[in-house]
Amino acid sequence: MTADDFRQLALSQLNARVASRLGTIEFLVGDKVFATLGAPDPAFAVLRLSPEDQAGAMAAAPGVFSPQAGGAGARGVTCVRLALAQAELLKPVMAKAAARARNSKSAFTRLA
């Protein structure tokens, strides 16, 4: 899978939009990022999954999916090795990341 393939798949998610910040391409639903592309390593993309969805993805394709290093990986932040990823494998996993972003509360609606 190329970075452009990943971008097209991310933008095919319901209400997805793209933004750029500090050289990273972010894919958002509302104000929540569900995927990133381009940093720190252009050979990888990142999905924000639940820890349970991350475990399922890694079990299905351990060469494609891996936890991000550090505490973020324990919270479900998942690296995707683009060279090994295939659309039919990535599509349902990305849909889970987008749905998680769609169903989370917006920072704009929280009360202080």
PDB file of N, CA and C in Angstrom:
ATOM      1  N   MET A   1       0.853  -1.169   0.000  1.00  0.00           N
ATOM      2  CA  MET A   1       0.000   0.000   0.000  1.00  0.00           C
ATOM      3  C   MET A   1       0.900   1.234   0.000  1.00  0.00           C
ATOM      4  N   THR A   2       0.514   2.210  -0.787  1.00  0.00           N
ATOM      5  CA  THR A   2       1.250   3.469  -0.817  1.00  0.00           C
ATOM      6  C   THR A   2       0.622   4.459   0.164  1.00  0.00           C
ATOM      7  N   ALA A   3       1.337   5.538   0.410  1.00  0.00           N
ATOM      8  CA  ALA A   3       0.787   6.593   1.263  1.00  0.00           C
ATOM      9  C   ALA A   3      -0.481   7.166   0.643  1.00  0.00           C
ATOM     10  N   ASP A   4      -0.520   7.279  -0.686  1.00  0.00           N
ATOM     11  CA  ASP A   4      -1.718   7.793  -1.351  1.00  0.00           C
ATOM     12  C   ASP A   4      -2.898   6.834  -1.190  1.00  0.00           C
ATOM     13  N   ASP A   5      -2.636   5.522  -1.252  1.00  0.00           N
ATOM     14  CA  ASP A   5      -3.702   4.534  -1.015  1.00  0.00           C
ATOM     15  C   ASP A   5      -4.258   4.697   0.401  1.00  0.00           C
ATOM     16  N   PHE A   6      -3.364   4.881   1.369  1.00  0.00           N
ATOM     17  CA  PHE A   6      -3.786   5.066   2.759  1.00  0.00           C
ATOM     18  C   PHE A   6      -4.636   6.321   2.881  1.00  0.00           C
ATOM     19  N   ARG A   7      -4.204   7.394   2.237  1.00  0.00           N
ATOM     20  CA  ARG A   7      -4.939   8.660   2.276  1.00  0.00           C
ATOM     21  C   ARG A   7      -6.347   8.481   1.708  1.00  0.00           C
ATOM     22  N   GLN A   8      -6.458   7.818   0.575  1.00  0.00           N
ATOM     23  CA  GLN A   8      -7.771   7.598  -0.038  1.00  0.00           C
ATOM     24  C   GLN A   8      -8.670   6.764   0.868  1.00  0.00           C
ATOM     25  N   LEU A   9      -8.107   5.737   1.475  1.00  0.00           N
ATOM     26  CA  LEU A   9      -8.889   4.895   2.379  1.00  0.00           C
ATOM     27  C   LEU A   9      -9.339   5.691   3.604  1.00  0.00           C
ATOM     28  N   ALA A  10      -8.466   6.507   4.151  1.00  0.00           N
ATOM     29  CA  ALA A  10      -8.829   7.321   5.319  1.00  0.00           C
ATOM     30  C   ALA A  10      -9.932   8.312   4.968  1.00  0.00           C
ATOM     31  N   LEU A  11      -9.821   8.952   3.820  1.00  0.00           N
ATOM     32  CA  LEU A  11     -10.823   9.948   3.432  1.00  0.00           C
ATOM     33  C   LEU A  11     -12.147   9.322   3.011  1.00  0.00           C
ATOM     34  N   SER A  12     -12.161   8.003   2.798  1.00  0.00           N
ATOM     35  CA  SER A  12     -13.421   7.323   2.467  1.00  0.00           C
ATOM     36  C   SER A  12     -14.278   7.057   3.709  1.00  0.00           C
ATOM     37  N   GLN A  13     -13.725   7.299   4.899  1.00  0.00           N
ATOM     38  CA  GLN A  13     -14.483   7.094   6.137  1.00  0.00           C
ATOM     39  C   GLN A  13     -15.531   8.199   6.287  1.00  0.00           C
ATOM     40  N   LEU A  14     -16.651   7.866   6.890  1.00  0.00           N
ATOM     41  CA  LEU A  14     -17.750   8.807   7.076  1.00  0.00           C
ATOM     42  C   LEU A  14     -17.286  10.073   7.794  1.00  0.00           C
ATOM     43  N   ASN A  15     -17.539  11.233   7.191  1.00  0.00           N
ATOM     44  CA  ASN A  15     -17.224  12.552   7.760  1.00  0.00           C
ATOM     45  C   ASN A  15     -15.733  12.797   7.989  1.00  0.00           C
ATOM     46  N   ALA A  16     -14.873  12.064   7.292  1.00  0.00           N
ATOM     47  CA  ALA A  16     -13.430  12.252   7.466  1.00  0.00           C
ATOM     48  C   ALA A  16     -12.959  13.497   6.724  1.00  0.00           C
ATOM     49  N   ARG A  17     -11.966  14.133   7.311  1.00  0.00           N
ATOM     50  CA  ARG A  17     -11.319  15.274   6.666  1.00  0.00           C
ATOM     51  C   ARG A  17      -9.824  15.190   6.949  1.00  0.00           C
ATOM     52  N   VAL A  18      -9.067  15.950   6.194  1.00  0.00           N
ATOM     53  CA  VAL A  18      -7.612  15.918   6.336  1.00  0.00           C
ATOM     54  C   VAL A  18      -7.114  17.268   6.835  1.00  0.00           C
ATOM     55  N   ALA A  19      -6.055  17.227   7.625  1.00  0.00           N
ATOM     56  CA  ALA A  19      -5.389  18.433   8.109  1.00  0.00           C
ATOM     57  C   ALA A  19      -3.893  18.129   8.163  1.00  0.00           C
ATOM     58  N   SER A  20      -3.094  19.159   8.180  1.00  0.00           N
ATOM     59  CA  SER A  20      -1.649  18.994   8.263  1.00  0.00           C
ATOM     60  C   SER A  20      -1.132  19.779   9.459  1.00  0.00           C
ATOM     61  N   ARG A  21      -0.249  19.125  10.208  1.00  0.00           N
ATOM     62  CA  ARG A  21       0.336  19.789  11.375  1.00  0.00           C
ATOM     63  C   ARG A  21       1.767  19.302  11.553  1.00  0.00           C
ATOM     64  N   LEU A  22       2.703  20.240  11.518  1.00  0.00           N
ATOM     65  CA  LEU A  22       4.121  19.955  11.742  1.00  0.00           C
ATOM     66  C   LEU A  22       4.642  18.825  10.855  1.00  0.00           C
ATOM     67  N   GLY A  23       4.257  18.823   9.589  1.00  0.00           N
ATOM     68  CA  GLY A  23       4.731  17.827   8.642  1.00  0.00           C
ATOM     69  C   GLY A  23       4.007  16.502   8.686  1.00  0.00           C
ATOM     70  N   THR A  24       3.028  16.384   9.537  1.00  0.00           N
ATOM     71  CA  THR A  24       2.237  15.164   9.641  1.00  0.00           C
ATOM     72  C   THR A  24       0.869  15.404   9.027  1.00  0.00           C
ATOM     73  N   ILE A  25       0.410  14.450   8.246  1.00  0.00           N
ATOM     74  CA  ILE A  25      -0.941  14.517   7.695  1.00  0.00           C
ATOM     75  C   ILE A  25      -1.853  13.805   8.681  1.00  0.00           C
ATOM     76  N   GLU A  26      -2.878  14.514   9.152  1.00  0.00           N
ATOM     77  CA  GLU A  26      -3.823  13.952  10.121  1.00  0.00           C
ATOM     78  C   GLU A  26      -5.171  13.752   9.454  1.00  0.00           C
ATOM     79  N   PHE A  27      -5.831  12.668   9.791  1.00  0.00           N
ATOM     80  CA  PHE A  27      -7.187  12.387   9.324  1.00  0.00           C
ATOM     81  C   PHE A  27      -8.092  12.448  10.542  1.00  0.00           C
ATOM     82  N   LEU A  28      -9.129  13.268  10.451  1.00  0.00           N
ATOM     83  CA  LEU A  28      -9.990  13.543  11.590  1.00  0.00           C
ATOM     84  C   LEU A  28     -11.445  13.279  11.265  1.00  0.00           C
ATOM     85  N   VAL A  29     -12.191  12.977  12.320  1.00  0.00           N
ATOM     86  CA  VAL A  29     -13.654  13.003  12.311  1.00  0.00           C
ATOM     87  C   VAL A  29     -14.017  14.013  13.393  1.00  0.00           C
ATOM     88  N   GLY A  30     -14.663  15.090  13.004  1.00  0.00           N
ATOM     89  CA  GLY A  30     -14.887  16.185  13.943  1.00  0.00           C
ATOM     90  C   GLY A  30     -13.546  16.765  14.326  1.00  0.00           C
ATOM     91  N   ASP A  31     -13.265  16.846  15.628  1.00  0.00           N
ATOM     92  CA  ASP A  31     -11.961  17.353  16.069  1.00  0.00           C
ATOM     93  C   ASP A  31     -11.052  16.234  16.580  1.00  0.00           C
ATOM     94  N   LYS A  32     -11.408  14.977  16.292  1.00  0.00           N
ATOM     95  CA  LYS A  32     -10.645  13.829  16.784  1.00  0.00           C
ATOM     96  C   LYS A  32      -9.837  13.178  15.669  1.00  0.00           C
ATOM     97  N   VAL A  33      -8.550  13.032  15.890  1.00  0.00           N
ATOM     98  CA  VAL A  33      -7.659  12.370  14.940  1.00  0.00           C
ATOM     99  C   VAL A  33      -7.856  10.863  15.062  1.00  0.00           C
ATOM    100  N   PHE A  34      -8.048  10.191  13.915  1.00  0.00           N
ATOM    101  CA  PHE A  34      -8.133   8.728  13.947  1.00  0.00           C
ATOM    102  C   PHE A  34      -6.966   8.074  13.218  1.00  0.00           C
ATOM    103  N   ALA A  35      -6.229   8.828  12.409  1.00  0.00           N
ATOM    104  CA  ALA A  35      -5.085   8.278  11.683  1.00  0.00           C
ATOM    105  C   ALA A  35      -4.117   9.398  11.342  1.00  0.00           C
ATOM    106  N   THR A  36      -2.838   9.040  11.216  1.00  0.00           N
ATOM    107  CA  THR A  36      -1.829   9.995  10.770  1.00  0.00           C
ATOM    108  C   THR A  36      -0.921   9.318   9.756  1.00  0.00           C
ATOM    109  N   LEU A  37      -0.255  10.157   8.991  1.00  0.00           N
ATOM    110  CA  LEU A  37       0.607   9.668   7.925  1.00  0.00           C
ATOM    111  C   LEU A  37       1.805  10.599   7.807  1.00  0.00           C
ATOM    112  N   GLY A  38       2.992  10.033   7.661  1.00  0.00           N
ATOM    113  CA  GLY A  38       4.148  10.845   7.333  1.00  0.00           C
ATOM    114  C   GLY A  38       5.155  11.127   8.424  1.00  0.00           C
ATOM    115  N   ALA A  39       4.840  10.855   9.652  1.00  0.00           N
ATOM    116  CA  ALA A  39       5.813  11.139  10.710  1.00  0.00           C
ATOM    117  C   ALA A  39       5.621  10.145  11.847  1.00  0.00           C
ATOM    118  N   PRO A  40       6.606   9.726  12.499  1.00  0.00           N
ATOM    119  CA  PRO A  40       7.992  10.116  12.311  1.00  0.00           C
ATOM    120  C   PRO A  40       8.681   9.375  11.171  1.00  0.00           C
ATOM    121  N   ASP A  41       8.094   8.309  10.649  1.00  0.00           N
ATOM    122  CA  ASP A  41       8.704   7.500   9.595  1.00  0.00           C
ATOM    123  C   ASP A  41       7.724   7.388   8.436  1.00  0.00           C
ATOM    124  N   PRO A  42       8.101   7.817   7.234  1.00  0.00           N
ATOM    125  CA  PRO A  42       7.164   7.766   6.110  1.00  0.00           C
ATOM    126  C   PRO A  42       6.793   6.352   5.669  1.00  0.00           C
ATOM    127  N   ALA A  43       7.490   5.337   6.170  1.00  0.00           N
ATOM    128  CA  ALA A  43       7.144   3.955   5.837  1.00  0.00           C
ATOM    129  C   ALA A  43       5.967   3.444   6.663  1.00  0.00           C
ATOM    130  N   PHE A  44       5.537   4.246   7.650  1.00  0.00           N
ATOM    131  CA  PHE A  44       4.463   3.842   8.548  1.00  0.00           C
ATOM    132  C   PHE A  44       3.343   4.865   8.555  1.00  0.00           C
ATOM    133  N   ALA A  45       2.159   4.399   8.887  1.00  0.00           N
ATOM    134  CA  ALA A  45       1.025   5.255   9.227  1.00  0.00           C
ATOM    135  C   ALA A  45       0.648   4.873  10.653  1.00  0.00           C
ATOM    136  N   VAL A  46      -0.213   5.659  11.263  1.00  0.00           N
ATOM    137  CA  VAL A  46      -0.626   5.394  12.642  1.00  0.00           C
ATOM    138  C   VAL A  46      -2.141   5.449  12.722  1.00  0.00           C
ATOM    139  N   LEU A  47      -2.736   4.477  13.426  1.00  0.00           N
ATOM    140  CA  LEU A  47      -4.172   4.455  13.701  1.00  0.00           C
ATOM    141  C   LEU A  47      -4.378   4.557  15.202  1.00  0.00           C
ATOM    142  N   ARG A  48      -5.422   5.257  15.596  1.00  0.00           N
ATOM    143  CA  ARG A  48      -5.780   5.344  17.016  1.00  0.00           C
ATOM    144  C   ARG A  48      -6.937   4.391  17.268  1.00  0.00           C
ATOM    145  N   LEU A  49      -6.601   3.230  17.785  1.00  0.00           N
ATOM    146  CA  LEU A  49      -7.570   2.169  18.059  1.00  0.00           C
ATOM    147  C   LEU A  49      -7.782   2.042  19.563  1.00  0.00           C
ATOM    148  N   SER A  50      -8.791   1.271  19.937  1.00  0.00           N
ATOM    149  CA  SER A  50      -8.902   0.864  21.336  1.00  0.00           C
ATOM    150  C   SER A  50      -7.850  -0.228  21.560  1.00  0.00           C
ATOM    151  N   PRO A  51      -7.425  -0.465  22.788  1.00  0.00           N
ATOM    152  CA  PRO A  51      -6.476  -1.551  23.031  1.00  0.00           C
ATOM    153  C   PRO A  51      -6.999  -2.908  22.544  1.00  0.00           C
ATOM    154  N   GLU A  52      -8.307  -3.125  22.650  1.00  0.00           N
ATOM    155  CA  GLU A  52      -8.886  -4.394  22.193  1.00  0.00           C
ATOM    156  C   GLU A  52      -8.810  -4.519  20.673  1.00  0.00           C
ATOM    157  N   ASP A  53      -9.129  -3.444  19.963  1.00  0.00           N
ATOM    158  CA  ASP A  53      -9.048  -3.470  18.499  1.00  0.00           C
ATOM    159  C   ASP A  53      -7.597  -3.597  18.039  1.00  0.00           C
ATOM    160  N   GLN A  54      -6.689  -2.973  18.769  1.00  0.00           N
ATOM    161  CA  GLN A  54      -5.270  -3.097  18.457  1.00  0.00           C
ATOM    162  C   GLN A  54      -4.825  -4.555  18.581  1.00  0.00           C
ATOM    163  N   ALA A  55      -5.232  -5.215  19.656  1.00  0.00           N
ATOM    164  CA  ALA A  55      -4.859  -6.617  19.867  1.00  0.00           C
ATOM    165  C   ALA A  55      -5.400  -7.496  18.748  1.00  0.00           C
ATOM    166  N   GLY A  56      -6.628  -7.240  18.318  1.00  0.00           N
ATOM    167  CA  GLY A  56      -7.211  -8.008  17.224  1.00  0.00           C
ATOM    168  C   GLY A  56      -6.469  -7.802  15.918  1.00  0.00           C
ATOM    169  N   ALA A  57      -6.101  -6.564  15.629  1.00  0.00           N
ATOM    170  CA  ALA A  57      -5.367  -6.263  14.398  1.00  0.00           C
ATOM    171  C   ALA A  57      -3.993  -6.927  14.417  1.00  0.00           C
ATOM    172  N   MET A  58      -3.305  -6.854  15.558  1.00  0.00           N
ATOM    173  CA  MET A  58      -1.976  -7.457  15.652  1.00  0.00           C
ATOM    174  C   MET A  58      -2.047  -8.976  15.556  1.00  0.00           C
ATOM    175  N   ALA A  59      -3.106  -9.571  16.077  1.00  0.00           N
ATOM    176  CA  ALA A  59      -3.261 -11.022  15.973  1.00  0.00           C
ATOM    177  C   ALA A  59      -3.518 -11.433  14.527  1.00  0.00           C
ATOM    178  N   ALA A  60      -4.278 -10.617  13.790  1.00  0.00           N
ATOM    179  CA  ALA A  60      -4.611 -10.933  12.400  1.00  0.00           C
ATOM    180  C   ALA A  60      -3.417 -10.745  11.470  1.00  0.00           C
ATOM    181  N   ALA A  61      -2.585  -9.751  11.743  1.00  0.00           N
ATOM    182  CA  ALA A  61      -1.457  -9.452  10.853  1.00  0.00           C
ATOM    183  C   ALA A  61      -0.315  -8.820  11.650  1.00  0.00           C
ATOM    184  N   PRO A  62       0.443  -9.634  12.382  1.00  0.00           N
ATOM    185  CA  PRO A  62       1.487  -9.081  13.243  1.00  0.00           C
ATOM    186  C   PRO A  62       2.603  -8.355  12.490  1.00  0.00           C
ATOM    187  N   GLY A  63       2.825  -8.659  11.239  1.00  0.00           N
ATOM    188  CA  GLY A  63       3.843  -7.954  10.469  1.00  0.00           C
ATOM    189  C   GLY A  63       3.399  -6.591   9.996  1.00  0.00           C
ATOM    190  N   VAL A  64       2.095  -6.381   9.961  1.00  0.00           N
ATOM    191  CA  VAL A  64       1.527  -5.123   9.474  1.00  0.00           C
ATOM    192  C   VAL A  64       1.277  -4.159  10.627  1.00  0.00           C
ATOM    193  N   PHE A  65       0.711  -4.653  11.705  1.00  0.00           N
ATOM    194  CA  PHE A  65       0.305  -3.810  12.837  1.00  0.00           C
ATOM    195  C   PHE A  65       1.222  -4.038  14.035  1.00  0.00           C
ATOM    196  N   SER A  66       1.598  -2.951  14.701  1.00  0.00           N
ATOM    197  CA  SER A  66       2.397  -3.049  15.922  1.00  0.00           C
ATOM    198  C   SER A  66       2.055  -1.858  16.811  1.00  0.00           C
ATOM    199  N   PRO A  67       2.191  -2.018  18.132  1.00  0.00           N
ATOM    200  CA  PRO A  67       1.897  -0.884  19.018  1.00  0.00           C
ATOM    201  C   PRO A  67       2.970   0.187  18.872  1.00  0.00           C
ATOM    202  N   GLN A  68       2.570   1.431  18.971  1.00  0.00           N
ATOM    203  CA  GLN A  68       3.547   2.513  18.981  1.00  0.00           C
ATOM    204  C   GLN A  68       4.366   2.391  20.259  1.00  0.00           C
ATOM    205  N   ALA A  69       5.624   2.740  20.195  1.00  0.00           N
ATOM    206  CA  ALA A  69       6.501   2.637  21.362  1.00  0.00           C
ATOM    207  C   ALA A  69       5.998   3.528  22.494  1.00  0.00           C
ATOM    208  N   GLY A  70       6.223   3.082  23.712  1.00  0.00           N
ATOM    209  CA  GLY A  70       5.868   3.874  24.887  1.00  0.00           C
ATOM    210  C   GLY A  70       4.431   3.688  25.313  1.00  0.00           C
ATOM    211  N   GLY A  71       3.982   4.595  26.142  1.00  0.00           N
ATOM    212  CA  GLY A  71       2.648   4.503  26.727  1.00  0.00           C
ATOM    213  C   GLY A  71       1.525   4.622  25.723  1.00  0.00           C
ATOM    214  N   ALA A  72       1.747   5.343  24.626  1.00  0.00           N
ATOM    215  CA  ALA A  72       0.684   5.500  23.629  1.00  0.00           C
ATOM    216  C   ALA A  72       0.294   4.150  23.039  1.00  0.00           C
ATOM    217  N   GLY A  73       1.270   3.287  22.827  1.00  0.00           N
ATOM    218  CA  GLY A  73       0.982   1.962  22.286  1.00  0.00           C
ATOM    219  C   GLY A  73       0.100   1.142  23.209  1.00  0.00           C
ATOM    220  N   ALA A  74       0.284   1.290  24.508  1.00  0.00           N
ATOM    221  CA  ALA A  74      -0.548   0.579  25.478  1.00  0.00           C
ATOM    222  C   ALA A  74      -1.984   1.090  25.476  1.00  0.00           C
ATOM    223  N   ARG A  75      -2.188   2.315  24.972  1.00  0.00           N
ATOM    224  CA  ARG A  75      -3.537   2.889  24.897  1.00  0.00           C
ATOM    225  C   ARG A  75      -4.194   2.647  23.538  1.00  0.00           C
ATOM    226  N   GLY A  76      -3.539   1.885  22.652  1.00  0.00           N
ATOM    227  CA  GLY A  76      -4.149   1.527  21.378  1.00  0.00           C
ATOM    228  C   GLY A  76      -3.591   2.231  20.161  1.00  0.00           C
ATOM    229  N   VAL A  77      -2.620   3.116  20.345  1.00  0.00           N
ATOM    230  CA  VAL A  77      -2.021   3.792  19.191  1.00  0.00           C
ATOM    231  C   VAL A  77      -1.177   2.761  18.443  1.00  0.00           C
ATOM    232  N   THR A  78      -1.520   2.554  17.165  1.00  0.00           N
ATOM    233  CA  THR A  78      -1.027   1.416  16.406  1.00  0.00           C
ATOM    234  C   THR A  78      -0.312   1.849  15.135  1.00  0.00           C
ATOM    235  N   CYS A  79       0.898   1.354  14.928  1.00  0.00           N
ATOM    236  CA  CYS A  79       1.658   1.623  13.709  1.00  0.00           C
ATOM    237  C   CYS A  79       1.251   0.630  12.625  1.00  0.00           C
ATOM    238  N   VAL A  80       1.177   1.124  11.399  1.00  0.00           N
ATOM    239  CA  VAL A  80       0.829   0.304  10.240  1.00  0.00           C
ATOM    240  C   VAL A  80       2.006   0.358   9.272  1.00  0.00           C
ATOM    241  N   ARG A  81       2.611  -0.786   8.990  1.00  0.00           N
ATOM    242  CA  ARG A  81       3.712  -0.848   8.019  1.00  0.00           C
ATOM    243  C   ARG A  81       3.087  -0.840   6.627  1.00  0.00           C
ATOM    244  N   LEU A  82       3.188   0.299   5.938  1.00  0.00           N
ATOM    245  CA  LEU A  82       2.491   0.486   4.673  1.00  0.00           C
ATOM    246  C   LEU A  82       2.908  -0.520   3.604  1.00  0.00           C
ATOM    247  N   ALA A  83       4.179  -0.874   3.536  1.00  0.00           N
ATOM    248  CA  ALA A  83       4.653  -1.784   2.493  1.00  0.00           C
ATOM    249  C   ALA A  83       3.993  -3.159   2.571  1.00  0.00           C
ATOM    250  N   LEU A  84       3.547  -3.554   3.754  1.00  0.00           N
ATOM    251  CA  LEU A  84       2.926  -4.870   3.933  1.00  0.00           C
ATOM    252  C   LEU A  84       1.404  -4.810   4.011  1.00  0.00           C
ATOM    253  N   ALA A  85       0.852  -3.617   4.134  1.00  0.00           N
ATOM    254  CA  ALA A  85      -0.602  -3.467   4.310  1.00  0.00           C
ATOM    255  C   ALA A  85      -1.330  -3.649   2.985  1.00  0.00           C
ATOM    256  N   GLN A  86      -2.501  -4.258   3.067  1.00  0.00           N
ATOM    257  CA  GLN A  86      -3.386  -4.416   1.914  1.00  0.00           C
ATOM    258  C   GLN A  86      -4.729  -3.814   2.277  1.00  0.00           C
ATOM    259  N   ALA A  87      -5.384  -3.235   1.281  1.00  0.00           N
ATOM    260  CA  ALA A  87      -6.635  -2.512   1.528  1.00  0.00           C
ATOM    261  C   ALA A  87      -7.676  -3.384   2.216  1.00  0.00           C
ATOM    262  N   GLU A  88      -7.824  -4.626   1.784  1.00  0.00           N
ATOM    263  CA  GLU A  88      -8.864  -5.477   2.373  1.00  0.00           C
ATOM    264  C   GLU A  88      -8.588  -5.800   3.838  1.00  0.00           C
ATOM    265  N   LEU A  89      -7.333  -5.784   4.241  1.00  0.00           N
ATOM    266  CA  LEU A  89      -6.981  -5.995   5.645  1.00  0.00           C
ATOM    267  C   LEU A  89      -7.141  -4.703   6.447  1.00  0.00           C
ATOM    268  N   LEU A  90      -6.730  -3.591   5.863  1.00  0.00           N
ATOM    269  CA  LEU A  90      -6.723  -2.319   6.576  1.00  0.00           C
ATOM    270  C   LEU A  90      -8.099  -1.677   6.684  1.00  0.00           C
ATOM    271  N   LYS A  91      -8.951  -1.892   5.704  1.00  0.00           N
ATOM    272  CA  LYS A  91     -10.251  -1.202   5.667  1.00  0.00           C
ATOM    273  C   LYS A  91     -11.070  -1.397   6.942  1.00  0.00           C
ATOM    274  N   PRO A  92     -11.297  -2.618   7.443  1.00  0.00           N
ATOM    275  CA  PRO A  92     -12.110  -2.754   8.665  1.00  0.00           C
ATOM    276  C   PRO A  92     -11.416  -2.204   9.914  1.00  0.00           C
ATOM    277  N   VAL A  93     -10.097  -2.253   9.950  1.00  0.00           N
ATOM    278  CA  VAL A  93      -9.366  -1.730  11.104  1.00  0.00           C
ATOM    279  C   VAL A  93      -9.459  -0.204  11.117  1.00  0.00           C
ATOM    280  N   MET A  94      -9.305   0.407   9.942  1.00  0.00           N
ATOM    281  CA  MET A  94      -9.429   1.858   9.871  1.00  0.00           C
ATOM    282  C   MET A  94     -10.851   2.298  10.197  1.00  0.00           C
ATOM    283  N   ALA A  95     -11.837   1.522   9.781  1.00  0.00           N
ATOM    284  CA  ALA A  95     -13.231   1.853  10.100  1.00  0.00           C
ATOM    285  C   ALA A  95     -13.442   1.877  11.612  1.00  0.00           C
ATOM    286  N   LYS A  96     -12.790   0.969  12.334  1.00  0.00           N
ATOM    287  CA  LYS A  96     -12.895   0.968  13.800  1.00  0.00           C
ATOM    288  C   LYS A  96     -12.254   2.214  14.399  1.00  0.00           C
ATOM    289  N   ALA A  97     -11.120   2.633  13.850  1.00  0.00           N
ATOM    290  CA  ALA A  97     -10.464   3.848  14.350  1.00  0.00           C
ATOM    291  C   ALA A  97     -11.337   5.073  14.103  1.00  0.00           C
ATOM    292  N   ALA A  98     -11.930   5.156  12.911  1.00  0.00           N
ATOM    293  CA  ALA A  98     -12.795   6.300  12.587  1.00  0.00           C
ATOM    294  C   ALA A  98     -14.051   6.292  13.447  1.00  0.00           C
ATOM    295  N   ALA A  99     -14.633   5.117  13.661  1.00  0.00           N
ATOM    296  CA  ALA A  99     -15.833   5.021  14.495  1.00  0.00           C
ATOM    297  C   ALA A  99     -15.520   5.415  15.935  1.00  0.00           C
ATOM    298  N   ARG A 100     -14.353   5.042  16.407  1.00  0.00           N
ATOM    299  CA  ARG A 100     -13.953   5.411  17.771  1.00  0.00           C
ATOM    300  C   ARG A 100     -13.837   6.929  17.889  1.00  0.00           C
ATOM    301  N   ALA A 101     -13.259   7.566  16.881  1.00  0.00           N
ATOM    302  CA  ALA A 101     -13.154   9.032  16.885  1.00  0.00           C
ATOM    303  C   ALA A 101     -14.531   9.670  16.790  1.00  0.00           C
ATOM    304  N   ARG A 102     -15.383   9.098  15.964  1.00  0.00           N
ATOM    305  CA  ARG A 102     -16.731   9.638  15.762  1.00  0.00           C
ATOM    306  C   ARG A 102     -17.557   9.552  17.039  1.00  0.00           C
ATOM    307  N   ASN A 103     -17.350   8.511  17.821  1.00  0.00           N
ATOM    308  CA  ASN A 103     -18.164   8.276  19.014  1.00  0.00           C
ATOM    309  C   ASN A 103     -17.577   8.871  20.286  1.00  0.00           C
ATOM    310  N   SER A 104     -16.382   9.442  20.208  1.00  0.00           N
ATOM    311  CA  SER A 104     -15.801  10.050  21.406  1.00  0.00           C
ATOM    312  C   SER A 104     -16.321  11.467  21.562  1.00  0.00           C
ATOM    313  N   LYS A 105     -16.316  11.940  22.785  1.00  0.00           N
ATOM    314  CA  LYS A 105     -16.822  13.285  23.056  1.00  0.00           C
ATOM    315  C   LYS A 105     -15.830  14.322  22.562  1.00  0.00           C
ATOM    316  N   SER A 106     -16.333  15.356  21.999  1.00  0.00           N
ATOM    317  CA  SER A 106     -15.512  16.456  21.511  1.00  0.00           C
ATOM    318  C   SER A 106     -14.954  17.259  22.678  1.00  0.00           C
ATOM    319  N   ALA A 107     -13.744  17.726  22.520  1.00  0.00           N
ATOM    320  CA  ALA A 107     -13.150  18.608  23.532  1.00  0.00           C
ATOM    321  C   ALA A 107     -13.928  19.909  23.632  1.00  0.00           C
ATOM    322  N   PHE A 108     -14.626  20.272  22.562  1.00  0.00           N
ATOM    323  CA  PHE A 108     -15.386  21.514  22.554  1.00  0.00           C
ATOM    324  C   PHE A 108     -16.676  21.417  23.363  1.00  0.00           C
ATOM    325  N   THR A 109     -17.136  20.200  23.662  1.00  0.00           N
ATOM    326  CA  THR A 109     -18.395  20.058  24.385  1.00  0.00           C
ATOM    327  C   THR A 109     -18.197  19.743  25.862  1.00  0.00           C
ATOM    328  N   ARG A 110     -16.958  19.556  26.287  1.00  0.00           N
ATOM    329  CA  ARG A 110     -16.697  19.262  27.694  1.00  0.00           C
ATOM    330  C   ARG A 110     -16.828  20.522  28.531  1.00  0.00           C
ATOM    331  N   LEU A 111     -17.350  20.351  29.707  1.00  0.00           N
ATOM    332  CA  LEU A 111     -17.456  21.483  30.634  1.00  0.00           C
ATOM    333  C   LEU A 111     -16.200  21.556  31.485  1.00  0.00           C
ATOM    334  N   ALA A 112     -15.781  22.739  31.798  1.00  0.00           N
ATOM    335  CA  ALA A 112     -14.562  22.912  32.603  1.00  0.00           C
ATOM    336  C   ALA A 112     -14.838  22.607  34.055  1.00  0.00           C
TER     337      ALA A 112
END
